[in-house]
Full PDB file with SEQRES, HELIX, SHEET, SSBOND, CRYST1, ORIGX, SCALE, CONECT and MASTER records, all heavy atoms in Angstrom:
SEQRES   1 A   29  HIS LEU TRP TRP ARG ASP GLN ASP PHE ASP PRO PRO TYR          
SEQRES   2 A   29  VAL GLU PRO ASN GLY GLN ASP CYS TYR TRP SER ARG GLY          
SEQRES   3 A   29  ASN GLY TRP                                                  
HELIX    1 AA1 GLN A    7  PHE A    9  5                                   3    
HELIX    2 AA2 SER A   24  GLY A   28  1                                   5    
CRYST1    1.000    1.000    1.000  90.00  90.00  90.00 P 1           1          
ORIGX1      1.000000  0.000000  0.000000        0.00000                         
ORIGX2      0.000000  1.000000  0.000000        0.00000                         
ORIGX3      0.000000  0.000000  1.000000        0.00000                         
SCALE1      1.000000  0.000000  0.000000        0.00000                         
SCALE2      0.000000  1.000000  0.000000        0.00000                         
SCALE3      0.000000  0.000000  1.000000        0.00000                         
ATOM      1  N   HIS A   1      65.633  12.812  79.743  1.00  0.00           N  
ATOM      2  CA  HIS A   1      66.410  12.136  78.693  1.00  0.00           C  
ATOM      3  C   HIS A   1      65.535  11.367  77.705  1.00  0.00           C  
ATOM      4  O   HIS A   1      65.920  10.306  77.215  1.00  0.00           O  
ATOM      5  CB  HIS A   1      67.479  11.223  79.307  1.00  0.00           C  
ATOM      6  CG  HIS A   1      68.368  11.957  80.243  1.00  0.00           C  
ATOM      7  ND1 HIS A   1      69.337  12.845  79.820  1.00  0.00           N  
ATOM      8  CD2 HIS A   1      68.410  11.978  81.602  1.00  0.00           C  
ATOM      9  CE1 HIS A   1      69.945  13.360  80.868  1.00  0.00           C  
ATOM     10  NE2 HIS A   1      69.397  12.862  81.954  1.00  0.00           N  
ATOM     11  N   LEU A   2      64.380  11.927  77.424  1.00  0.00           N  
ATOM     12  CA  LEU A   2      63.470  11.382  76.422  1.00  0.00           C  
ATOM     13  C   LEU A   2      63.046  12.512  75.498  1.00  0.00           C  
ATOM     14  O   LEU A   2      63.186  13.690  75.831  1.00  0.00           O  
ATOM     15  CB  LEU A   2      62.242  10.752  77.086  1.00  0.00           C  
ATOM     16  CG  LEU A   2      62.518   9.516  77.949  1.00  0.00           C  
ATOM     17  CD1 LEU A   2      61.276   9.140  78.751  1.00  0.00           C  
ATOM     18  CD2 LEU A   2      62.986   8.350  77.091  1.00  0.00           C  
ATOM     19  N   TRP A   3      62.487  12.134  74.343  1.00  0.00           N  
ATOM     20  CA  TRP A   3      62.082  13.106  73.324  1.00  0.00           C  
ATOM     21  C   TRP A   3      60.565  13.229  73.299  1.00  0.00           C  
ATOM     22  O   TRP A   3      59.852  12.227  73.248  1.00  0.00           O  
ATOM     23  CB  TRP A   3      62.571  12.640  71.953  1.00  0.00           C  
ATOM     24  CG  TRP A   3      64.056  12.628  71.839  1.00  0.00           C  
ATOM     25  CD1 TRP A   3      64.905  11.713  72.377  1.00  0.00           C  
ATOM     26  CD2 TRP A   3      64.871  13.569  71.146  1.00  0.00           C  
ATOM     27  NE1 TRP A   3      66.199  12.027  72.069  1.00  0.00           N  
ATOM     28  CE2 TRP A   3      66.205  13.157  71.302  1.00  0.00           C  
ATOM     29  CE3 TRP A   3      64.591  14.709  70.399  1.00  0.00           C  
ATOM     30  CZ2 TRP A   3      67.267  13.861  70.745  1.00  0.00           C  
ATOM     31  CZ3 TRP A   3      65.656  15.399  69.847  1.00  0.00           C  
ATOM     32  CH2 TRP A   3      66.969  14.984  70.018  1.00  0.00           C  
ATOM     33  N   TRP A   4      60.090  14.477  73.341  1.00  0.00           N  
ATOM     34  CA  TRP A   4      58.656  14.700  73.178  1.00  0.00           C  
ATOM     35  C   TRP A   4      58.250  14.294  71.773  1.00  0.00           C  
ATOM     36  O   TRP A   4      59.054  14.313  70.837  1.00  0.00           O  
ATOM     37  CB  TRP A   4      58.312  16.173  73.424  1.00  0.00           C  
ATOM     38  CG  TRP A   4      58.381  16.528  74.874  1.00  0.00           C  
ATOM     39  CD1 TRP A   4      57.541  16.095  75.860  1.00  0.00           C  
ATOM     40  CD2 TRP A   4      59.341  17.376  75.513  1.00  0.00           C  
ATOM     41  NE1 TRP A   4      57.929  16.615  77.071  1.00  0.00           N  
ATOM     42  CE2 TRP A   4      59.032  17.412  76.884  1.00  0.00           C  
ATOM     43  CE3 TRP A   4      60.434  18.097  75.055  1.00  0.00           C  
ATOM     44  CZ2 TRP A   4      59.761  18.141  77.809  1.00  0.00           C  
ATOM     45  CZ3 TRP A   4      61.168  18.827  75.973  1.00  0.00           C  
ATOM     46  CH2 TRP A   4      60.824  18.846  77.324  1.00  0.00           C  
ATOM     47  N   ARG A   5      57.010  13.946  71.617  1.00  0.00           N  
ATOM     48  CA  ARG A   5      56.524  13.402  70.346  1.00  0.00           C  
ATOM     49  C   ARG A   5      56.786  14.353  69.180  1.00  0.00           C  
ATOM     50  O   ARG A   5      57.298  13.969  68.146  1.00  0.00           O  
ATOM     51  CB  ARG A   5      55.030  13.106  70.448  1.00  0.00           C  
ATOM     52  CG  ARG A   5      54.512  12.503  69.184  1.00  0.00           C  
ATOM     53  CD  ARG A   5      53.073  12.065  69.336  1.00  0.00           C  
ATOM     54  NE  ARG A   5      52.686  11.436  68.098  1.00  0.00           N  
ATOM     55  CZ  ARG A   5      51.972  12.036  67.165  1.00  0.00           C  
ATOM     56  NH1 ARG A   5      51.544  13.257  67.341  1.00  0.00           N  
ATOM     57  NH2 ARG A   5      51.669  11.422  66.059  1.00  0.00           N  
ATOM     58  N   ASP A   6      56.404  15.599  69.316  1.00  0.00           N  
ATOM     59  CA  ASP A   6      56.701  16.653  68.347  1.00  0.00           C  
ATOM     60  C   ASP A   6      56.383  17.976  69.015  1.00  0.00           C  
ATOM     61  O   ASP A   6      55.976  18.005  70.172  1.00  0.00           O  
ATOM     62  CB  ASP A   6      55.954  16.465  67.011  1.00  0.00           C  
ATOM     63  CG  ASP A   6      54.447  16.457  67.129  1.00  0.00           C  
ATOM     64  OD1 ASP A   6      53.876  17.344  67.813  1.00  0.00           O  
ATOM     65  OD2 ASP A   6      53.813  15.576  66.537  1.00  0.00           O  
ATOM     66  N   GLN A   7      56.561  19.072  68.297  1.00  0.00           N  
ATOM     67  CA  GLN A   7      56.414  20.383  68.946  1.00  0.00           C  
ATOM     68  C   GLN A   7      55.017  20.638  69.480  1.00  0.00           C  
ATOM     69  O   GLN A   7      54.846  21.432  70.398  1.00  0.00           O  
ATOM     70  CB  GLN A   7      56.844  21.505  68.010  1.00  0.00           C  
ATOM     71  CG  GLN A   7      55.984  21.674  66.799  1.00  0.00           C  
ATOM     72  CD  GLN A   7      56.589  22.666  65.824  1.00  0.00           C  
ATOM     73  OE1 GLN A   7      57.783  22.916  65.836  1.00  0.00           O  
ATOM     74  NE2 GLN A   7      55.763  23.218  64.978  1.00  0.00           N  
ATOM     75  N   ASP A   8      54.009  19.946  68.972  1.00  0.00           N  
ATOM     76  CA  ASP A   8      52.653  20.112  69.494  1.00  0.00           C  
ATOM     77  C   ASP A   8      52.461  19.384  70.818  1.00  0.00           C  
ATOM     78  O   ASP A   8      51.448  19.567  71.486  1.00  0.00           O  
ATOM     79  CB  ASP A   8      51.616  19.598  68.482  1.00  0.00           C  
ATOM     80  CG  ASP A   8      51.598  20.441  67.219  1.00  0.00           C  
ATOM     81  OD1 ASP A   8      51.926  21.644  67.287  1.00  0.00           O  
ATOM     82  OD2 ASP A   8      51.262  19.892  66.153  1.00  0.00           O  
ATOM     83  N   PHE A   9      53.403  18.555  71.200  1.00  0.00           N  
ATOM     84  CA  PHE A   9      53.280  17.763  72.415  1.00  0.00           C  
ATOM     85  C   PHE A   9      54.312  18.147  73.474  1.00  0.00           C  
ATOM     86  O   PHE A   9      54.452  17.466  74.483  1.00  0.00           O  
ATOM     87  CB  PHE A   9      53.373  16.264  72.078  1.00  0.00           C  
ATOM     88  CG  PHE A   9      52.203  15.816  71.255  1.00  0.00           C  
ATOM     89  CD1 PHE A   9      52.221  15.944  69.870  1.00  0.00           C  
ATOM     90  CD2 PHE A   9      51.072  15.299  71.858  1.00  0.00           C  
ATOM     91  CE1 PHE A   9      51.140  15.551  69.105  1.00  0.00           C  
ATOM     92  CE2 PHE A   9      49.977  14.910  71.100  1.00  0.00           C  
ATOM     93  CZ  PHE A   9      50.015  15.037  69.724  1.00  0.00           C  
ATOM     94  N   ASP A  10      55.019  19.256  73.246  1.00  0.00           N  
ATOM     95  CA  ASP A  10      55.889  19.818  74.279  1.00  0.00           C  
ATOM     96  C   ASP A  10      55.013  20.307  75.422  1.00  0.00           C  
ATOM     97  O   ASP A  10      53.843  20.632  75.217  1.00  0.00           O  
ATOM     98  CB  ASP A  10      56.637  21.043  73.738  1.00  0.00           C  
ATOM     99  CG  ASP A  10      57.770  20.688  72.801  1.00  0.00           C  
ATOM    100  OD1 ASP A  10      57.906  19.516  72.442  1.00  0.00           O  
ATOM    101  OD2 ASP A  10      58.515  21.609  72.430  1.00  0.00           O  
ATOM    102  N   PRO A  11      55.577  20.461  76.616  1.00  0.00           N  
ATOM    103  CA  PRO A  11      54.816  21.102  77.690  1.00  0.00           C  
ATOM    104  C   PRO A  11      54.346  22.475  77.238  1.00  0.00           C  
ATOM    105  O   PRO A  11      55.065  23.138  76.489  1.00  0.00           O  
ATOM    106  CB  PRO A  11      55.832  21.209  78.826  1.00  0.00           C  
ATOM    107  CG  PRO A  11      56.799  20.099  78.543  1.00  0.00           C  
ATOM    108  CD  PRO A  11      56.874  20.003  77.049  1.00  0.00           C  
ATOM    109  N   PRO A  12      53.152  22.845  77.583  1.00  0.00           N  
ATOM    110  CA  PRO A  12      52.382  22.337  78.712  1.00  0.00           C  
ATOM    111  C   PRO A  12      51.489  21.127  78.407  1.00  0.00           C  
ATOM    112  O   PRO A  12      50.747  20.688  79.283  1.00  0.00           O  
ATOM    113  CB  PRO A  12      51.524  23.528  79.106  1.00  0.00           C  
ATOM    114  CG  PRO A  12      51.271  24.233  77.819  1.00  0.00           C  
ATOM    115  CD  PRO A  12      52.533  24.044  77.019  1.00  0.00           C  
ATOM    116  N   TYR A  13      51.567  20.558  77.200  1.00  0.00           N  
ATOM    117  CA  TYR A  13      50.753  19.386  76.901  1.00  0.00           C  
ATOM    118  C   TYR A  13      51.143  18.244  77.832  1.00  0.00           C  
ATOM    119  O   TYR A  13      52.327  18.001  78.082  1.00  0.00           O  
ATOM    120  CB  TYR A  13      50.956  18.931  75.448  1.00  0.00           C  
ATOM    121  CG  TYR A  13      50.193  17.666  75.149  1.00  0.00           C  
ATOM    122  CD1 TYR A  13      48.866  17.726  74.754  1.00  0.00           C  
ATOM    123  CD2 TYR A  13      50.766  16.419  75.340  1.00  0.00           C  
ATOM    124  CE1 TYR A  13      48.141  16.567  74.527  1.00  0.00           C  
ATOM    125  CE2 TYR A  13      50.051  15.259  75.113  1.00  0.00           C  
ATOM    126  CZ  TYR A  13      48.737  15.336  74.716  1.00  0.00           C  
ATOM    127  OH  TYR A  13      48.020  14.201  74.509  1.00  0.00           O  
ATOM    128  N   VAL A  14      50.147  17.539  78.336  1.00  0.00           N  
ATOM    129  CA  VAL A  14      50.392  16.339  79.140  1.00  0.00           C  
ATOM    130  C   VAL A  14      49.428  15.244  78.714  1.00  0.00           C  
ATOM    131  O   VAL A  14      48.381  15.504  78.130  1.00  0.00           O  
ATOM    132  CB  VAL A  14      50.253  16.595  80.662  1.00  0.00           C  
ATOM    133  CG1 VAL A  14      51.360  17.507  81.165  1.00  0.00           C  
ATOM    134  CG2 VAL A  14      48.884  17.155  81.000  1.00  0.00           C  
ATOM    135  N   GLU A  15      49.800  14.015  79.017  1.00  0.00           N  
ATOM    136  CA  GLU A  15      48.955  12.854  78.768  1.00  0.00           C  
ATOM    137  C   GLU A  15      47.763  12.877  79.738  1.00  0.00           C  
ATOM    138  O   GLU A  15      47.767  13.645  80.703  1.00  0.00           O  
ATOM    139  CB  GLU A  15      49.777  11.570  78.977  1.00  0.00           C  
ATOM    140  CG  GLU A  15      50.843  11.358  77.942  1.00  0.00           C  
ATOM    141  CD  GLU A  15      50.288  10.864  76.624  1.00  0.00           C  
ATOM    142  OE1 GLU A  15      49.092  11.004  76.337  1.00  0.00           O  
ATOM    143  OE2 GLU A  15      51.083  10.327  75.837  1.00  0.00           O  
ATOM    144  N   PRO A  16      46.771  12.020  79.509  1.00  0.00           N  
ATOM    145  CA  PRO A  16      45.623  11.975  80.422  1.00  0.00           C  
ATOM    146  C   PRO A  16      46.010  11.760  81.892  1.00  0.00           C  
ATOM    147  O   PRO A  16      45.305  12.224  82.786  1.00  0.00           O  
ATOM    148  CB  PRO A  16      44.800  10.800  79.894  1.00  0.00           C  
ATOM    149  CG  PRO A  16      45.093  10.789  78.421  1.00  0.00           C  
ATOM    150  CD  PRO A  16      46.564  11.160  78.339  1.00  0.00           C  
ATOM    151  N   ASN A  17      47.142  11.108  82.151  1.00  0.00           N  
ATOM    152  CA  ASN A  17      47.553  10.892  83.546  1.00  0.00           C  
ATOM    153  C   ASN A  17      48.387  12.047  84.098  1.00  0.00           C  
ATOM    154  O   ASN A  17      48.905  11.974  85.203  1.00  0.00           O  
ATOM    155  CB  ASN A  17      48.303   9.573  83.690  1.00  0.00           C  
ATOM    156  CG  ASN A  17      49.693   9.591  83.089  1.00  0.00           C  
ATOM    157  OD1 ASN A  17      50.090  10.534  82.406  1.00  0.00           O  
ATOM    158  ND2 ASN A  17      50.441   8.532  83.316  1.00  0.00           N  
ATOM    159  N   GLY A  18      48.559  13.119  83.316  1.00  0.00           N  
ATOM    160  CA  GLY A  18      49.289  14.292  83.773  1.00  0.00           C  
ATOM    161  C   GLY A  18      50.780  14.282  83.482  1.00  0.00           C  
ATOM    162  O   GLY A  18      51.485  15.226  83.824  1.00  0.00           O  
ATOM    163  N   GLN A  19      51.282  13.230  82.836  1.00  0.00           N  
ATOM    164  CA  GLN A  19      52.706  13.116  82.532  1.00  0.00           C  
ATOM    165  C   GLN A  19      53.017  13.659  81.129  1.00  0.00           C  
ATOM    166  O   GLN A  19      52.132  13.765  80.290  1.00  0.00           O  
ATOM    167  CB  GLN A  19      53.142  11.651  82.604  1.00  0.00           C  
ATOM    168  CG  GLN A  19      52.957  11.028  83.964  1.00  0.00           C  
ATOM    169  CD  GLN A  19      53.906  11.611  84.992  1.00  0.00           C  
ATOM    170  OE1 GLN A  19      55.098  11.759  84.741  1.00  0.00           O  
ATOM    171  NE2 GLN A  19      53.366  11.963  86.147  1.00  0.00           N  
ATOM    172  N   ASP A  20      54.288  13.961  80.896  1.00  0.00           N  
ATOM    173  CA  ASP A  20      54.716  14.386  79.560  1.00  0.00           C  
ATOM    174  C   ASP A  20      54.462  13.288  78.533  1.00  0.00           C  
ATOM    175  O   ASP A  20      54.466  12.105  78.864  1.00  0.00           O  
ATOM    176  CB  ASP A  20      56.208  14.725  79.553  1.00  0.00           C  
ATOM    177  CG  ASP A  20      56.510  16.080  80.168  1.00  0.00           C  
ATOM    178  OD1 ASP A  20      55.589  16.897  80.311  1.00  0.00           O  
ATOM    179  OD2 ASP A  20      57.681  16.320  80.495  1.00  0.00           O  
ATOM    180  N   CYS A  21      54.268  13.705  77.267  1.00  0.00           N  
ATOM    181  CA  CYS A  21      53.984  12.764  76.183  1.00  0.00           C  
ATOM    182  C   CYS A  21      55.285  12.359  75.495  1.00  0.00           C  
ATOM    183  O   CYS A  21      55.867  13.147  74.744  1.00  0.00           O  
ATOM    184  CB  CYS A  21      53.037  13.396  75.163  1.00  0.00           C  
ATOM    185  SG  CYS A  21      52.627  12.296  73.792  1.00  0.00           S  
ATOM    186  N   TYR A  22      55.729  11.152  75.778  1.00  0.00           N  
ATOM    187  CA  TYR A  22      56.889  10.579  75.113  1.00  0.00           C  
ATOM    188  C   TYR A  22      56.419   9.383  74.308  1.00  0.00           C  
ATOM    189  O   TYR A  22      56.030   8.359  74.863  1.00  0.00           O  
ATOM    190  CB  TYR A  22      57.952  10.145  76.121  1.00  0.00           C  
ATOM    191  CG  TYR A  22      58.455  11.280  76.982  1.00  0.00           C  
ATOM    192  CD1 TYR A  22      58.212  11.292  78.343  1.00  0.00           C  
ATOM    193  CD2 TYR A  22      59.163  12.332  76.429  1.00  0.00           C  
ATOM    194  CE1 TYR A  22      58.674  12.325  79.132  1.00  0.00           C  
ATOM    195  CE2 TYR A  22      59.624  13.368  77.202  1.00  0.00           C  
ATOM    196  CZ  TYR A  22      59.377  13.360  78.567  1.00  0.00           C  
ATOM    197  OH  TYR A  22      59.830  14.386  79.350  1.00  0.00           O  
ATOM    198  N   TRP A  23      56.458   9.515  73.025  1.00  0.00           N  
ATOM    199  CA  TRP A  23      55.966   8.498  72.098  1.00  0.00           C  
ATOM    200  C   TRP A  23      57.028   7.414  71.962  1.00  0.00           C  
ATOM    201  O   TRP A  23      58.174   7.691  71.591  1.00  0.00           O  
ATOM    202  CB  TRP A  23      55.695   9.187  70.777  1.00  0.00           C  
ATOM    203  CG  TRP A  23      54.984   8.454  69.729  1.00  0.00           C  
ATOM    204  CD1 TRP A  23      53.978   7.532  69.882  1.00  0.00           C  
ATOM    205  CD2 TRP A  23      55.170   8.616  68.326  1.00  0.00           C  
ATOM    206  NE1 TRP A  23      53.535   7.116  68.661  1.00  0.00           N  
ATOM    207  CE2 TRP A  23      54.259   7.763  67.685  1.00  0.00           C  
ATOM    208  CE3 TRP A  23      56.009   9.402  67.550  1.00  0.00           C  
ATOM    209  CZ2 TRP A  23      54.165   7.663  66.305  1.00  0.00           C  
ATOM    210  CZ3 TRP A  23      55.915   9.304  66.188  1.00  0.00           C  
ATOM    211  CH2 TRP A  23      55.002   8.446  65.577  1.00  0.00           C  
ATOM    212  N   SER A  24      56.688   6.180  72.260  1.00  0.00           N  
ATOM    213  CA  SER A  24      57.693   5.116  72.252  1.00  0.00           C  
ATOM    214  C   SER A  24      58.323   4.931  70.881  1.00  0.00           C  
ATOM    215  O   SER A  24      59.545   4.764  70.764  1.00  0.00           O  
ATOM    216  CB  SER A  24      57.099   3.798  72.753  1.00  0.00           C  
ATOM    217  OG  SER A  24      56.072   3.339  71.918  1.00  0.00           O  
ATOM    218  N   ARG A  25      57.517   4.958  69.842  1.00  0.00           N  
ATOM    219  CA  ARG A  25      58.062   4.738  68.502  1.00  0.00           C  
ATOM    220  C   ARG A  25      59.072   5.823  68.127  1.00  0.00           C  
ATOM    221  O   ARG A  25      60.143   5.539  67.612  1.00  0.00           O  
ATOM    222  CB  ARG A  25      56.936   4.662  67.473  1.00  0.00           C  
ATOM    223  CG  ARG A  25      57.428   4.270  66.110  1.00  0.00           C  
ATOM    224  CD  ARG A  25      56.335   3.924  65.151  1.00  0.00           C  
ATOM    225  NE  ARG A  25      55.131   4.715  65.284  1.00  0.00           N  
ATOM    226  CZ  ARG A  25      54.144   4.709  64.402  1.00  0.00           C  
ATOM    227  NH1 ARG A  25      54.213   3.951  63.336  1.00  0.00           N  
ATOM    228  NH2 ARG A  25      53.087   5.447  64.583  1.00  0.00           N  
ATOM    229  N   GLY A  26      58.745   7.075  68.408  1.00  0.00           N  
ATOM    230  CA  GLY A  26      59.660   8.171  68.108  1.00  0.00           C  
ATOM    231  C   GLY A  26      60.952   8.077  68.898  1.00  0.00           C  
ATOM    232  O   GLY A  26      62.042   8.306  68.364  1.00  0.00           O  
ATOM    233  N   ASN A  27      60.851   7.737  70.181  1.00  0.00           N  
ATOM    234  CA  ASN A  27      62.056   7.564  70.975  1.00  0.00           C  
ATOM    235  C   ASN A  27      62.866   6.376  70.478  1.00  0.00           C  
ATOM    236  O   ASN A  27      64.094   6.409  70.483  1.00  0.00           O  
ATOM    237  CB  ASN A  27      61.706   7.423  72.460  1.00  0.00           C  
ATOM    238  CG  ASN A  27      61.556   8.772  73.125  1.00  0.00           C  
ATOM    239  OD1 ASN A  27      62.521   9.342  73.600  1.00  0.00           O  
ATOM    240  ND2 ASN A  27      60.338   9.299  73.114  1.00  0.00           N  
ATOM    241  N   GLY A  28      62.189   5.347  70.013  1.00  0.00           N  
ATOM    242  CA  GLY A  28      62.882   4.198  69.426  1.00  0.00           C  
ATOM    243  C   GLY A  28      63.667   4.591  68.184  1.00  0.00           C  
ATOM    244  O   GLY A  28      64.799   4.123  67.973  1.00  0.00           O  
ATOM    245  N   TRP A  29      63.079   5.443  67.357  1.00  0.00           N  
ATOM    246  CA  TRP A  29      63.780   5.906  66.150  1.00  0.00           C  
ATOM    247  C   TRP A  29      65.043   6.678  66.528  1.00  0.00           C  
ATOM    248  O   TRP A  29      66.107   6.481  65.938  1.00  0.00           O  
ATOM    249  CB  TRP A  29      62.884   6.782  65.295  1.00  0.00           C  
ATOM    250  CG  TRP A  29      61.754   6.076  64.624  1.00  0.00           C  
ATOM    251  CD1 TRP A  29      61.700   4.755  64.235  1.00  0.00           C  
ATOM    252  CD2 TRP A  29      60.501   6.643  64.262  1.00  0.00           C  
ATOM    253  NE1 TRP A  29      60.485   4.488  63.662  1.00  0.00           N  
ATOM    254  CE2 TRP A  29      59.725   5.626  63.656  1.00  0.00           C  
ATOM    255  CE3 TRP A  29      59.946   7.909  64.391  1.00  0.00           C  
ATOM    256  CZ2 TRP A  29      58.439   5.839  63.181  1.00  0.00           C  
ATOM    257  CZ3 TRP A  29      58.662   8.121  63.916  1.00  0.00           C  
ATOM    258  CH2 TRP A  29      57.924   7.092  63.312  1.00  0.00           C  
TER     259      TRP A  29                                                      
MASTER        0    0    0    2    0    0    0    6  258    1    0    3          
END                                                                             
């Protein structure tokens, strides 16, 4: 129930800790 940052950050992209990239500012918008 969160939004990936943009199409370049959809899986299989992950953050350095191995989790999905959910940008707080974008989810806030």
